[in-house]
Amino acid sequence: MNKKQQQAILLFSAGKSCVEVANELNVTPKTISMWRSLPEFRAELNSHLLDIKQANSERLRSLCMKALTTVEEVMLHENTLAKEKLTAAFKVLELGKVSPDAIGSSNPDTLRMNDSFNEALMM
């Protein structure tokens, strides 16, 4: 990976679009599209996305524990009007059950094999 490709991976990992990445790196959207078709590039991007997903899952688990504590505190203190606090706590618990779309492989060989398989299916 060259330096711009590594920067592109970081920008995609941060949620930037193809056009935003192209503009920020001073390359054409076609160049970005070409990079995204490379198994090595996709594997590295997937690896970054997996790291981000894991970090976010850990943060969310931590918030779930705090939300449960909040729910418990509100439930134990009958005179406390904490509708907003309780609503937020339930929202965190609800989000803890959400599972985002699967992230692809971080192995370029696996991605190549999948690409070949998908091309064969298209014929």
C-alpha atoms as a PDB file:
ATOM      1  CA  MET A   1       0.000   0.000   0.000  1.00  0.00           C
ATOM      2  CA  ASN A   2       1.246   3.448  -0.823  1.00  0.00           C
ATOM      3  CA  LYS A   3       0.811   6.397   1.531  1.00  0.00           C
ATOM      4  CA  LYS A   4      -2.303   7.762  -0.199  1.00  0.00           C
ATOM      5  CA  GLN A   5      -3.957   4.350  -0.153  1.00  0.00           C
ATOM      6  CA  GLN A   6      -3.264   4.093   3.587  1.00  0.00           C
ATOM      7  CA  GLN A   7      -4.747   7.566   4.058  1.00  0.00           C
ATOM      8  CA  ALA A   8      -7.768   6.533   2.006  1.00  0.00           C
ATOM      9  CA  ILE A   9      -8.311   3.535   4.272  1.00  0.00           C
ATOM     10  CA  LEU A  10      -8.277   5.802   7.326  1.00  0.00           C
ATOM     11  CA  LEU A  11     -10.712   8.215   5.673  1.00  0.00           C
ATOM     12  CA  PHE A  12     -13.090   5.405   4.668  1.00  0.00           C
ATOM     13  CA  SER A  13     -12.823   4.024   8.199  1.00  0.00           C
ATOM     14  CA  ALA A  14     -13.902   7.449   9.448  1.00  0.00           C
ATOM     15  CA  GLY A  15     -17.030   7.261   7.266  1.00  0.00           C
ATOM     16  CA  LYS A  16     -15.966   9.459   4.351  1.00  0.00           C
ATOM     17  CA  SER A  17     -17.512   8.864   0.913  1.00  0.00           C
ATOM     18  CA  CYS A  18     -15.553   8.022  -2.244  1.00  0.00           C
ATOM     19  CA  VAL A  19     -15.855  11.590  -3.509  1.00  0.00           C
ATOM     20  CA  GLU A  20     -14.761  13.039  -0.155  1.00  0.00           C
ATOM     21  CA  VAL A  21     -11.761  10.718  -0.021  1.00  0.00           C
ATOM     22  CA  ALA A  22     -10.810  11.572  -3.618  1.00  0.00           C
ATOM     23  CA  ASN A  23     -11.069  15.313  -2.935  1.00  0.00           C
ATOM     24  CA  GLU A  24      -9.100  15.089   0.290  1.00  0.00           C
ATOM     25  CA  LEU A  25      -6.290  13.076  -1.336  1.00  0.00           C
ATOM     26  CA  ASN A  26      -6.252  15.064  -4.577  1.00  0.00           C
ATOM     27  CA  VAL A  27      -6.997  12.041  -6.752  1.00  0.00           C
ATOM     28  CA  THR A  28      -9.908  11.189  -9.032  1.00  0.00           C
ATOM     29  CA  PRO A  29     -12.907   9.191  -7.864  1.00  0.00           C
ATOM     30  CA  LYS A  30     -11.917   6.662 -10.543  1.00  0.00           C
ATOM     31  CA  THR A  31      -8.585   6.152  -8.750  1.00  0.00           C
ATOM     32  CA  ILE A  32     -10.436   5.564  -5.491  1.00  0.00           C
ATOM     33  CA  SER A  33     -12.735   3.100  -7.234  1.00  0.00           C
ATOM     34  CA  MET A  34      -9.727   1.250  -8.645  1.00  0.00           C
ATOM     35  CA  TRP A  35      -8.115   1.051  -5.184  1.00  0.00           C
ATOM     36  CA  ARG A  36     -11.352  -0.286  -3.701  1.00  0.00           C
ATOM     37  CA  SER A  37     -11.354  -3.089  -6.247  1.00  0.00           C
ATOM     38  CA  LEU A  38      -7.944  -4.331  -5.023  1.00  0.00           C
ATOM     39  CA  PRO A  39      -8.225  -7.271  -2.604  1.00  0.00           C
ATOM     40  CA  GLU A  40      -5.272  -5.965  -0.542  1.00  0.00           C
ATOM     41  CA  PHE A  41      -6.941  -2.579  -0.156  1.00  0.00           C
ATOM     42  CA  ARG A  42     -10.302  -4.087   0.784  1.00  0.00           C
ATOM     43  CA  ALA A  43      -8.641  -6.489   3.211  1.00  0.00           C
ATOM     44  CA  GLU A  44      -6.823  -3.643   4.971  1.00  0.00           C
ATOM     45  CA  LEU A  45     -10.012  -1.552   5.081  1.00  0.00           C
ATOM     46  CA  ASN A  46     -11.946  -4.509   6.494  1.00  0.00           C
ATOM     47  CA  SER A  47      -9.254  -5.003   9.126  1.00  0.00           C
ATOM     48  CA  HIS A  48      -9.613  -1.350  10.215  1.00  0.00           C
ATOM     49  CA  LEU A  49     -13.405  -1.648  10.252  1.00  0.00           C
ATOM     50  CA  LEU A  50     -13.204  -4.775  12.392  1.00  0.00           C
ATOM     51  CA  ASP A  51     -10.972  -2.945  14.876  1.00  0.00           C
ATOM     52  CA  ILE A  52     -13.437  -0.055  15.014  1.00  0.00           C
ATOM     53  CA  LYS A  53     -16.373  -2.434  15.414  1.00  0.00           C
ATOM     54  CA  GLN A  54     -14.650  -4.204  18.297  1.00  0.00           C
ATOM     55  CA  ALA A  55     -13.781  -0.934  20.046  1.00  0.00           C
ATOM     56  CA  ASN A  56     -17.350   0.322  19.645  1.00  0.00           C
ATOM     57  CA  SER A  57     -18.762  -2.965  20.928  1.00  0.00           C
ATOM     58  CA  GLU A  58     -16.599  -2.684  24.049  1.00  0.00           C
ATOM     59  CA  ARG A  59     -17.744   0.902  24.606  1.00  0.00           C
ATOM     60  CA  LEU A  60     -21.360  -0.101  24.127  1.00  0.00           C
ATOM     61  CA  ARG A  61     -21.018  -2.988  26.588  1.00  0.00           C
ATOM     62  CA  SER A  62     -19.614  -0.527  29.104  1.00  0.00           C
ATOM     63  CA  LEU A  63     -22.559   1.804  28.532  1.00  0.00           C
ATOM     64  CA  CYS A  64     -24.985  -1.085  28.928  1.00  0.00           C
ATOM     65  CA  MET A  65     -23.628  -1.752  32.394  1.00  0.00           C
ATOM     66  CA  LYS A  66     -24.057   1.930  33.267  1.00  0.00           C
ATOM     67  CA  ALA A  67     -27.557   1.887  31.787  1.00  0.00           C
ATOM     68  CA  LEU A  68     -28.490  -1.111  33.887  1.00  0.00           C
ATOM     69  CA  THR A  69     -27.169   0.677  36.966  1.00  0.00           C
ATOM     70  CA  THR A  70     -29.253   3.728  36.049  1.00  0.00           C
ATOM     71  CA  VAL A  71     -32.365   1.619  35.581  1.00  0.00           C
ATOM     72  CA  GLU A  72     -31.716  -0.057  38.910  1.00  0.00           C
ATOM     73  CA  GLU A  73     -31.241   3.287  40.693  1.00  0.00           C
ATOM     74  CA  VAL A  74     -34.446   4.681  39.233  1.00  0.00           C
ATOM     75  CA  MET A  75     -36.366   1.534  40.092  1.00  0.00           C
ATOM     76  CA  LEU A  76     -35.109   1.564  43.695  1.00  0.00           C
ATOM     77  CA  HIS A  77     -35.916   5.253  44.279  1.00  0.00           C
ATOM     78  CA  GLU A  78     -39.684   5.431  43.865  1.00  0.00           C
ATOM     79  CA  ASN A  79     -39.858   9.217  44.328  1.00  0.00           C
ATOM     80  CA  THR A  80     -37.306  10.023  41.630  1.00  0.00           C
ATOM     81  CA  LEU A  81     -38.788  11.373  38.395  1.00  0.00           C
ATOM     82  CA  ALA A  82     -36.136  10.473  35.895  1.00  0.00           C
ATOM     83  CA  LYS A  83     -38.055   9.935  32.669  1.00  0.00           C
ATOM     84  CA  GLU A  84     -35.279  11.279  30.430  1.00  0.00           C
ATOM     85  CA  LYS A  85     -32.596   9.358  32.295  1.00  0.00           C
ATOM     86  CA  LEU A  86     -34.597   6.155  32.124  1.00  0.00           C
ATOM     87  CA  THR A  87     -35.422   6.670  28.444  1.00  0.00           C
ATOM     88  CA  ALA A  88     -31.726   7.136  27.671  1.00  0.00           C
ATOM     89  CA  ALA A  89     -30.827   4.041  29.666  1.00  0.00           C
ATOM     90  CA  PHE A  90     -33.362   1.938  27.760  1.00  0.00           C
ATOM     91  CA  LYS A  91     -32.073   3.324  24.462  1.00  0.00           C
ATOM     92  CA  VAL A  92     -28.532   2.211  25.318  1.00  0.00           C
ATOM     93  CA  LEU A  93     -29.836  -1.250  26.169  1.00  0.00           C
ATOM     94  CA  GLU A  94     -31.778  -1.357  22.929  1.00  0.00           C
ATOM     95  CA  LEU A  95     -28.688  -0.367  20.939  1.00  0.00           C
ATOM     96  CA  GLY A  96     -26.693  -3.067  22.669  1.00  0.00           C
ATOM     97  CA  LYS A  97     -28.750  -5.615  20.757  1.00  0.00           C
ATOM     98  CA  VAL A  98     -28.076  -4.080  17.319  1.00  0.00           C
ATOM     99  CA  SER A  99     -25.756  -6.021  15.040  1.00  0.00           C
ATOM    100  CA  PRO A 100     -24.436  -4.037  12.052  1.00  0.00           C
ATOM    101  CA  ASP A 101     -23.883  -5.593   8.637  1.00  0.00           C
ATOM    102  CA  ALA A 102     -21.090  -8.125   8.498  1.00  0.00           C
ATOM    103  CA  ILE A 103     -17.670  -6.801   7.548  1.00  0.00           C
ATOM    104  CA  GLY A 104     -15.819  -8.732   4.870  1.00  0.00           C
ATOM    105  CA  SER A 105     -12.612 -10.680   5.257  1.00  0.00           C
ATOM    106  CA  SER A 106      -9.315  -9.027   6.120  1.00  0.00           C
ATOM    107  CA  ASN A 107      -7.439 -11.685   4.118  1.00  0.00           C
ATOM    108  CA  PRO A 108      -6.646 -10.615   0.508  1.00  0.00           C
ATOM    109  CA  ASP A 109      -6.499 -14.248  -0.671  1.00  0.00           C
ATOM    110  CA  THR A 110     -10.000 -14.893   0.641  1.00  0.00           C
ATOM    111  CA  LEU A 111     -11.246 -11.735  -1.093  1.00  0.00           C
ATOM    112  CA  ARG A 112      -9.614 -12.844  -4.379  1.00  0.00           C
ATOM    113  CA  MET A 113     -11.262 -16.237  -4.064  1.00  0.00           C
ATOM    114  CA  ASN A 114     -14.651 -14.602  -3.371  1.00  0.00           C
ATOM    115  CA  ASP A 115     -14.178 -12.275  -6.360  1.00  0.00           C
ATOM    116  CA  SER A 116     -13.393 -15.255  -8.607  1.00  0.00           C
ATOM    117  CA  PHE A 117     -16.400 -17.149  -7.270  1.00  0.00           C
ATOM    118  CA  ASN A 118     -18.709 -14.158  -7.815  1.00  0.00           C
ATOM    119  CA  GLU A 119     -17.359 -13.644 -11.358  1.00  0.00           C
ATOM    120  CA  ALA A 120     -17.995 -17.328 -12.117  1.00  0.00           C
ATOM    121  CA  LEU A 121     -21.580 -16.979 -10.881  1.00  0.00           C
ATOM    122  CA  MET A 122     -22.152 -13.988 -13.174  1.00  0.00           C
ATOM    123  CA  MET A 123     -21.243 -16.001 -16.283  1.00  0.00           C
END
